[in-house]
Amino acid sequence: MKVGLIYTSTTPELIELVELEVKKQLGDGVEMFSLQDPSILAETRDAGYVTTPAAARLVSMYMKAACEGCDAMLNLCSSVGEVADAAQDMADYIGVPIVRVDEEMCREAVRKGTRIGVMATLQTTLEPTKNTIKRMSRECGKHVELVDCLVEGAFGLDQEQFKKRMAESAESIADQVDVIVFAQGSMAYCETYIADMLHKVVVSSPRFGAAELKKALIKKGTI
């Protein structure tokens, strides 16, 4: 069994967490084919939206994973999640499903609360994640209120500085929310820390994405 891991951000924390969660779901024998293009996120961040060239490069990564024999792939960037949505019909046709890392996380947030804080270090990640939460709320027939939490200046910090900045930002919205969503998978190592500190439900995407990847492979008949 071979799965494609499609990255537009290559922080060591994200890669380590994703590979750990995929192995938990699929076993140590799973072959992971990693494709990385940080220029996609950089270009999206600079433009404030997913540009045509960035989207095209991401789709080419999906095609590369399919050509290399991957049975399914995991899209690991929420900023470009809507590109993955747009590519789903193509993925279904070629028989290599694309799983968004954040979709089930957003559904879980809607299940768990009505006031949802969305934390991100990049403005370009906030809106796609909020759009996904809104779509999940429609599907669940449940009204939710969203609270933005942009963690200014945290992108690129080391782990200890990042955790401190995350804690400060999370505290600033704690009394306004029932659930906190981490819009970027690279934040996931702070999940337990923030949950214990604030006594709130906190969700991050890698564990949900890996579980959905397994479901896609079961549905396909690979496992």
C-alpha atoms as a PDB file:
ATOM      1  CA  MET A   1       0.000   0.000   0.000  1.00  0.00           C
ATOM      2  CA  LYS A   2       1.358   3.389  -1.047  1.00  0.00           C
ATOM      3  CA  VAL A   3       0.010   6.804  -0.072  1.00  0.00           C
ATOM      4  CA  GLY A   4       0.938  10.232  -1.342  1.00  0.00           C
ATOM      5  CA  LEU A   5       1.573  13.009   1.178  1.00  0.00           C
ATOM      6  CA  ILE A   6       1.168  16.381  -0.524  1.00  0.00           C
ATOM      7  CA  TYR A   7       2.848  19.251   1.335  1.00  0.00           C
ATOM      8  CA  THR A   8       2.998  22.976   0.666  1.00  0.00           C
ATOM      9  CA  SER A   9       4.751  23.572   3.985  1.00  0.00           C
ATOM     10  CA  THR A  10       7.664  21.463   5.142  1.00  0.00           C
ATOM     11  CA  THR A  11       8.099  22.199   8.833  1.00  0.00           C
ATOM     12  CA  PRO A  12       9.698  19.222  10.624  1.00  0.00           C
ATOM     13  CA  GLU A  13       6.864  19.245  13.192  1.00  0.00           C
ATOM     14  CA  LEU A  14       4.218  18.772  10.510  1.00  0.00           C
ATOM     15  CA  ILE A  15       6.063  16.022   8.662  1.00  0.00           C
ATOM     16  CA  GLU A  16       6.781  14.123  11.891  1.00  0.00           C
ATOM     17  CA  LEU A  17       3.184  14.370  13.105  1.00  0.00           C
ATOM     18  CA  VAL A  18       1.664  13.366   9.771  1.00  0.00           C
ATOM     19  CA  GLU A  19       3.901  10.332   9.326  1.00  0.00           C
ATOM     20  CA  LEU A  20       3.229   9.239  12.919  1.00  0.00           C
ATOM     21  CA  GLU A  21      -0.550   9.467  12.450  1.00  0.00           C
ATOM     22  CA  VAL A  22      -0.494   7.710   9.072  1.00  0.00           C
ATOM     23  CA  LYS A  23       1.484   4.825  10.559  1.00  0.00           C
ATOM     24  CA  LYS A  24      -0.951   4.617  13.481  1.00  0.00           C
ATOM     25  CA  GLN A  25      -3.791   4.159  11.009  1.00  0.00           C
ATOM     26  CA  LEU A  26      -2.131   2.081   8.281  1.00  0.00           C
ATOM     27  CA  GLY A  27       0.712   0.296  10.049  1.00  0.00           C
ATOM     28  CA  ASP A  28       4.487   0.563   9.836  1.00  0.00           C
ATOM     29  CA  GLY A  29       4.504  -1.194   6.465  1.00  0.00           C
ATOM     30  CA  VAL A  30       2.764   1.621   4.611  1.00  0.00           C
ATOM     31  CA  GLU A  31       4.870   3.264   1.912  1.00  0.00           C
ATOM     32  CA  MET A  32       4.718   7.046   2.084  1.00  0.00           C
ATOM     33  CA  PHE A  33       5.513   9.008  -1.060  1.00  0.00           C
ATOM     34  CA  SER A  34       6.136  12.603  -0.033  1.00  0.00           C
ATOM     35  CA  LEU A  35       5.846  15.528  -2.436  1.00  0.00           C
ATOM     36  CA  GLN A  36       6.761  19.010  -1.226  1.00  0.00           C
ATOM     37  CA  ASP A  37       6.510  22.431  -2.847  1.00  0.00           C
ATOM     38  CA  PRO A  38       6.751  25.288  -0.305  1.00  0.00           C
ATOM     39  CA  SER A  39       6.542  27.817  -3.146  1.00  0.00           C
ATOM     40  CA  ILE A  40       2.806  27.093  -3.407  1.00  0.00           C
ATOM     41  CA  LEU A  41       2.104  28.332   0.114  1.00  0.00           C
ATOM     42  CA  ALA A  42       4.589  31.197  -0.214  1.00  0.00           C
ATOM     43  CA  GLU A  43       2.931  32.408  -3.414  1.00  0.00           C
ATOM     44  CA  THR A  44      -0.537  32.038  -1.880  1.00  0.00           C
ATOM     45  CA  ARG A  45       0.550  33.928   1.223  1.00  0.00           C
ATOM     46  CA  ASP A  46       2.063  36.785  -0.797  1.00  0.00           C
ATOM     47  CA  ALA A  47      -0.928  37.121  -3.128  1.00  0.00           C
ATOM     48  CA  GLY A  48      -3.592  36.613  -0.457  1.00  0.00           C
ATOM     49  CA  TYR A  49      -5.290  33.901  -2.525  1.00  0.00           C
ATOM     50  CA  VAL A  50      -4.399  30.740  -4.448  1.00  0.00           C
ATOM     51  CA  THR A  51      -2.987  31.955  -7.741  1.00  0.00           C
ATOM     52  CA  THR A  52      -3.414  30.090 -11.022  1.00  0.00           C
ATOM     53  CA  PRO A  53       0.247  28.956 -11.164  1.00  0.00           C
ATOM     54  CA  ALA A  54       0.149  27.792  -7.519  1.00  0.00           C
ATOM     55  CA  ALA A  55      -3.048  25.814  -8.108  1.00  0.00           C
ATOM     56  CA  ALA A  56      -1.602  24.306 -11.272  1.00  0.00           C
ATOM     57  CA  ARG A  57       1.559  23.198  -9.460  1.00  0.00           C
ATOM     58  CA  LEU A  58      -0.544  21.582  -6.748  1.00  0.00           C
ATOM     59  CA  VAL A  59      -2.624  19.676  -9.301  1.00  0.00           C
ATOM     60  CA  SER A  60       0.616  18.521 -10.951  1.00  0.00           C
ATOM     61  CA  MET A  61       1.673  17.094  -7.577  1.00  0.00           C
ATOM     62  CA  TYR A  62      -1.565  15.105  -7.429  1.00  0.00           C
ATOM     63  CA  MET A  63      -0.837  13.746 -10.905  1.00  0.00           C
ATOM     64  CA  LYS A  64       2.733  12.879  -9.937  1.00  0.00           C
ATOM     65  CA  ALA A  65       1.496  10.915  -6.919  1.00  0.00           C
ATOM     66  CA  ALA A  66      -0.971   9.045  -9.130  1.00  0.00           C
ATOM     67  CA  CYS A  67       1.694   8.290 -11.760  1.00  0.00           C
ATOM     68  CA  GLU A  68       3.995   6.953  -9.021  1.00  0.00           C
ATOM     69  CA  GLY A  69       1.402   4.351  -8.052  1.00  0.00           C
ATOM     70  CA  CYS A  70      -0.119   5.890  -4.932  1.00  0.00           C
ATOM     71  CA  ASP A  71      -3.403   4.308  -3.851  1.00  0.00           C
ATOM     72  CA  ALA A  72      -4.655   7.535  -2.255  1.00  0.00           C
ATOM     73  CA  MET A  73      -3.251  10.896  -1.275  1.00  0.00           C
ATOM     74  CA  LEU A  74      -3.515  13.288   1.642  1.00  0.00           C
ATOM     75  CA  ASN A  75      -3.634  17.022   0.910  1.00  0.00           C
ATOM     76  CA  LEU A  76      -1.844  18.613   3.861  1.00  0.00           C
ATOM     77  CA  CYS A  77      -2.432  22.346   3.427  1.00  0.00           C
ATOM     78  CA  SER A  78      -5.647  24.061   4.465  1.00  0.00           C
ATOM     79  CA  SER A  79      -4.743  27.243   2.581  1.00  0.00           C
ATOM     80  CA  VAL A  80      -5.144  25.344  -0.699  1.00  0.00           C
ATOM     81  CA  GLY A  81      -7.847  22.914   0.395  1.00  0.00           C
ATOM     82  CA  GLU A  82     -10.309  24.289  -2.134  1.00  0.00           C
ATOM     83  CA  VAL A  83      -7.969  23.171  -4.923  1.00  0.00           C
ATOM     84  CA  ALA A  84      -8.297  19.642  -3.554  1.00  0.00           C
ATOM     85  CA  ASP A  85     -12.089  20.050  -3.613  1.00  0.00           C
ATOM     86  CA  ALA A  86     -11.960  21.147  -7.253  1.00  0.00           C
ATOM     87  CA  ALA A  87      -9.802  18.137  -8.155  1.00  0.00           C
ATOM     88  CA  GLN A  88     -12.096  15.522  -6.579  1.00  0.00           C
ATOM     89  CA  ASP A  89     -13.949  14.542  -9.768  1.00  0.00           C
ATOM     90  CA  MET A  90     -10.644  13.968 -11.522  1.00  0.00           C
ATOM     91  CA  ALA A  91      -9.352  11.955  -8.555  1.00  0.00           C
ATOM     92  CA  ASP A  92     -12.474   9.780  -8.584  1.00  0.00           C
ATOM     93  CA  TYR A  93     -12.047   9.160 -12.317  1.00  0.00           C
ATOM     94  CA  ILE A  94      -8.425   8.025 -12.053  1.00  0.00           C
ATOM     95  CA  GLY A  95      -9.156   5.998  -8.920  1.00  0.00           C
ATOM     96  CA  VAL A  96      -6.752   7.784  -6.571  1.00  0.00           C
ATOM     97  CA  PRO A  97      -8.810   9.633  -3.933  1.00  0.00           C
ATOM     98  CA  ILE A  98      -7.621  12.950  -2.544  1.00  0.00           C
ATOM     99  CA  VAL A  99      -8.315  13.362   1.172  1.00  0.00           C
ATOM    100  CA  ARG A 100      -8.259  16.817   2.728  1.00  0.00           C
ATOM    101  CA  VAL A 101      -6.416  16.748   6.040  1.00  0.00           C
ATOM    102  CA  ASP A 102      -8.761  19.289   7.635  1.00  0.00           C
ATOM    103  CA  GLU A 103     -12.275  18.352   6.519  1.00  0.00           C
ATOM    104  CA  GLU A 104     -13.152  15.841   9.253  1.00  0.00           C
ATOM    105  CA  MET A 105     -11.495  18.072  11.856  1.00  0.00           C
ATOM    106  CA  CYS A 106     -13.914  20.852  10.887  1.00  0.00           C
ATOM    107  CA  ARG A 107     -16.850  18.449  11.111  1.00  0.00           C
ATOM    108  CA  GLU A 108     -15.733  17.383  14.589  1.00  0.00           C
ATOM    109  CA  ALA A 109     -15.536  21.016  15.692  1.00  0.00           C
ATOM    110  CA  VAL A 110     -19.150  21.527  14.601  1.00  0.00           C
ATOM    111  CA  ARG A 111     -20.181  18.387  16.504  1.00  0.00           C
ATOM    112  CA  LYS A 112     -18.478  19.564  19.682  1.00  0.00           C
ATOM    113  CA  GLY A 113     -19.590  23.189  19.951  1.00  0.00           C
ATOM    114  CA  THR A 114     -21.435  26.186  18.604  1.00  0.00           C
ATOM    115  CA  ARG A 115     -18.828  28.891  19.238  1.00  0.00           C
ATOM    116  CA  ILE A 116     -15.693  27.924  17.340  1.00  0.00           C
ATOM    117  CA  GLY A 117     -12.379  29.744  17.488  1.00  0.00           C
ATOM    118  CA  VAL A 118     -10.200  29.370  14.396  1.00  0.00           C
ATOM    119  CA  MET A 119      -6.475  29.840  15.027  1.00  0.00           C
ATOM    120  CA  ALA A 120      -3.939  30.371  12.239  1.00  0.00           C
ATOM    121  CA  THR A 121      -0.616  32.086  11.698  1.00  0.00           C
ATOM    122  CA  LEU A 122      -1.577  33.036   8.133  1.00  0.00           C
ATOM    123  CA  GLN A 123      -4.593  35.036   6.991  1.00  0.00           C
ATOM    124  CA  THR A 124      -4.755  32.868   3.856  1.00  0.00           C
ATOM    125  CA  THR A 125      -5.461  29.824   6.029  1.00  0.00           C
ATOM    126  CA  LEU A 126      -8.246  31.395   8.089  1.00  0.00           C
ATOM    127  CA  GLU A 127     -10.783  31.889   5.312  1.00  0.00           C
ATOM    128  CA  PRO A 128     -10.565  28.405   3.693  1.00  0.00           C
ATOM    129  CA  THR A 129     -10.840  26.769   7.125  1.00  0.00           C
ATOM    130  CA  LYS A 130     -13.808  28.952   8.070  1.00  0.00           C
ATOM    131  CA  ASN A 131     -15.463  28.107   4.748  1.00  0.00           C
ATOM    132  CA  THR A 132     -15.038  24.406   5.472  1.00  0.00           C
ATOM    133  CA  ILE A 133     -16.510  24.793   8.972  1.00  0.00           C
ATOM    134  CA  LYS A 134     -19.473  26.666   7.504  1.00  0.00           C
ATOM    135  CA  ARG A 135     -20.004  23.892   4.954  1.00  0.00           C
ATOM    136  CA  MET A 136     -19.902  21.283   7.717  1.00  0.00           C
ATOM    137  CA  SER A 137     -22.392  23.293   9.779  1.00  0.00           C
ATOM    138  CA  ARG A 138     -24.793  23.304   6.818  1.00  0.00           C
ATOM    139  CA  GLU A 139     -24.359  19.560   6.342  1.00  0.00           C
ATOM    140  CA  CYS A 140     -24.959  18.976  10.055  1.00  0.00           C
ATOM    141  CA  GLY A 141     -27.917  21.378  10.165  1.00  0.00           C
ATOM    142  CA  LYS A 142     -26.319  23.292  13.014  1.00  0.00           C
ATOM    143  CA  HIS A 143     -25.686  27.018  13.392  1.00  0.00           C
ATOM    144  CA  VAL A 144     -22.205  27.969  14.571  1.00  0.00           C
ATOM    145  CA  GLU A 145     -20.448  31.236  15.368  1.00  0.00           C
ATOM    146  CA  LEU A 146     -16.831  31.669  14.300  1.00  0.00           C
ATOM    147  CA  VAL A 147     -14.175  33.692  16.085  1.00  0.00           C
ATOM    148  CA  ASP A 148     -10.971  34.554  14.209  1.00  0.00           C
ATOM    149  CA  CYS A 149      -7.648  34.264  15.984  1.00  0.00           C
ATOM    150  CA  LEU A 150      -4.686  35.254  13.840  1.00  0.00           C
ATOM    151  CA  VAL A 151      -1.489  34.428  15.722  1.00  0.00           C
ATOM    152  CA  GLU A 152       0.585  37.369  14.555  1.00  0.00           C
ATOM    153  CA  GLY A 153       4.296  36.835  14.098  1.00  0.00           C
ATOM    154  CA  ALA A 154       4.258  33.134  14.974  1.00  0.00           C
ATOM    155  CA  PHE A 155       5.074  31.717  11.541  1.00  0.00           C
ATOM    156  CA  GLY A 156       8.648  30.389  11.565  1.00  0.00           C
ATOM    157  CA  LEU A 157       9.265  30.555  15.329  1.00  0.00           C
ATOM    158  CA  ASP A 158      10.948  27.709  17.195  1.00  0.00           C
ATOM    159  CA  GLN A 159       8.743  25.328  19.187  1.00  0.00           C
ATOM    160  CA  GLU A 160       8.993  27.010  22.586  1.00  0.00           C
ATOM    161  CA  GLN A 161       8.406  30.515  21.226  1.00  0.00           C
ATOM    162  CA  PHE A 162       5.579  29.212  19.076  1.00  0.00           C
ATOM    163  CA  LYS A 163       3.844  27.491  22.011  1.00  0.00           C
ATOM    164  CA  LYS A 164       4.104  30.696  24.057  1.00  0.00           C
ATOM    165  CA  ARG A 165       2.584  32.773  21.250  1.00  0.00           C
ATOM    166  CA  MET A 166      -0.153  30.189  20.725  1.00  0.00           C
ATOM    167  CA  ALA A 167      -1.008  30.207  24.428  1.00  0.00           C
ATOM    168  CA  GLU A 168      -1.253  33.994  24.532  1.00  0.00           C
ATOM    169  CA  SER A 169      -3.521  34.071  21.487  1.00  0.00           C
ATOM    170  CA  ALA A 170      -5.712  31.184  22.665  1.00  0.00           C
ATOM    171  CA  GLU A 171      -6.209  32.859  26.041  1.00  0.00           C
ATOM    172  CA  SER A 172      -7.437  35.998  24.280  1.00  0.00           C
ATOM    173  CA  ILE A 173     -10.436  34.134  22.802  1.00  0.00           C
ATOM    174  CA  ALA A 174     -11.003  31.483  25.487  1.00  0.00           C
ATOM    175  CA  ASP A 175     -14.058  33.124  27.020  1.00  0.00           C
ATOM    176  CA  GLN A 176     -15.694  33.513  23.585  1.00  0.00           C
ATOM    177  CA  VAL A 177     -15.523  29.906  22.362  1.00  0.00           C
ATOM    178  CA  ASP A 178     -16.439  26.284  23.158  1.00  0.00           C
ATOM    179  CA  VAL A 179     -14.008  24.728  20.677  1.00  0.00           C
ATOM    180  CA  ILE A 180     -10.677  25.818  19.214  1.00  0.00           C
ATOM    181  CA  VAL A 181      -9.652  24.707  15.734  1.00  0.00           C
ATOM    182  CA  PHE A 182      -6.018  24.767  14.657  1.00  0.00           C
ATOM    183  CA  ALA A 183      -6.232  25.752  10.993  1.00  0.00           C
ATOM    184  CA  GLN A 184      -2.682  24.565  10.224  1.00  0.00           C
ATOM    185  CA  GLY A 185      -1.450  21.033  10.746  1.00  0.00           C
ATOM    186  CA  SER A 186       1.933  22.336  11.881  1.00  0.00           C
ATOM    187  CA  MET A 187       0.221  23.633  15.040  1.00  0.00           C
ATOM    188  CA  ALA A 188      -0.827  20.144  16.127  1.00  0.00           C
ATOM    189  CA  TYR A 189       1.969  19.593  18.651  1.00  0.00           C
ATOM    190  CA  CYS A 190       0.372  22.369  20.751  1.00  0.00           C
ATOM    191  CA  GLU A 191      -3.039  20.671  20.873  1.00  0.00           C
ATOM    192  CA  THR A 192      -2.795  18.921  24.246  1.00  0.00           C
ATOM    193  CA  TYR A 193      -0.919  21.863  25.771  1.00  0.00           C
ATOM    194  CA  ILE A 194      -3.638  24.377  24.866  1.00  0.00           C
ATOM    195  CA  ALA A 195      -6.492  21.984  25.721  1.00  0.00           C
ATOM    196  CA  ASP A 196      -5.076  21.312  29.200  1.00  0.00           C
ATOM    197  CA  MET A 197      -4.308  24.968  29.814  1.00  0.00           C
ATOM    198  CA  LEU A 198      -7.755  26.273  28.868  1.00  0.00           C
ATOM    199  CA  HIS A 199      -9.894  23.186  29.603  1.00  0.00           C
ATOM    200  CA  LYS A 200     -11.398  23.525  26.138  1.00  0.00           C
ATOM    201  CA  VAL A 201     -11.929  21.147  23.250  1.00  0.00           C
ATOM    202  CA  VAL A 202      -9.033  21.698  20.828  1.00  0.00           C
ATOM    203  CA  VAL A 203      -8.777  19.964  17.451  1.00  0.00           C
ATOM    204  CA  SER A 204      -5.931  19.763  14.944  1.00  0.00           C
ATOM    205  CA  SER A 205      -5.898  18.083  11.580  1.00  0.00           C
ATOM    206  CA  PRO A 206      -3.215  15.352  11.238  1.00  0.00           C
ATOM    207  CA  ARG A 207      -5.006  12.677  13.282  1.00  0.00           C
ATOM    208  CA  PHE A 208      -8.326  13.331  11.545  1.00  0.00           C
ATOM    209  CA  GLY A 209      -6.734  13.400   8.112  1.00  0.00           C
ATOM    210  CA  ALA A 210      -4.940  10.104   8.651  1.00  0.00           C
ATOM    211  CA  ALA A 211      -8.163   8.442   9.826  1.00  0.00           C
ATOM    212  CA  GLU A 212      -9.995   9.731   6.733  1.00  0.00           C
ATOM    213  CA  LEU A 213      -7.173   8.468   4.529  1.00  0.00           C
ATOM    214  CA  LYS A 214      -7.731   4.993   5.946  1.00  0.00           C
ATOM    215  CA  LYS A 215     -11.477   5.264   5.288  1.00  0.00           C
ATOM    216  CA  ALA A 216     -10.782   6.247   1.670  1.00  0.00           C
ATOM    217  CA  LEU A 217      -8.523   3.225   1.203  1.00  0.00           C
ATOM    218  CA  ILE A 218     -11.151   0.925   2.747  1.00  0.00           C
ATOM    219  CA  LYS A 219     -13.830   2.372   0.460  1.00  0.00           C
ATOM    220  CA  LYS A 220     -11.536   1.852  -2.534  1.00  0.00           C
ATOM    221  CA  GLY A 221     -10.926  -1.768  -1.480  1.00  0.00           C
ATOM    222  CA  THR A 222      -7.174  -1.388  -0.978  1.00  0.00           C
ATOM    223  CA  ILE A 223      -7.460  -2.539   2.655  1.00  0.00           C
END
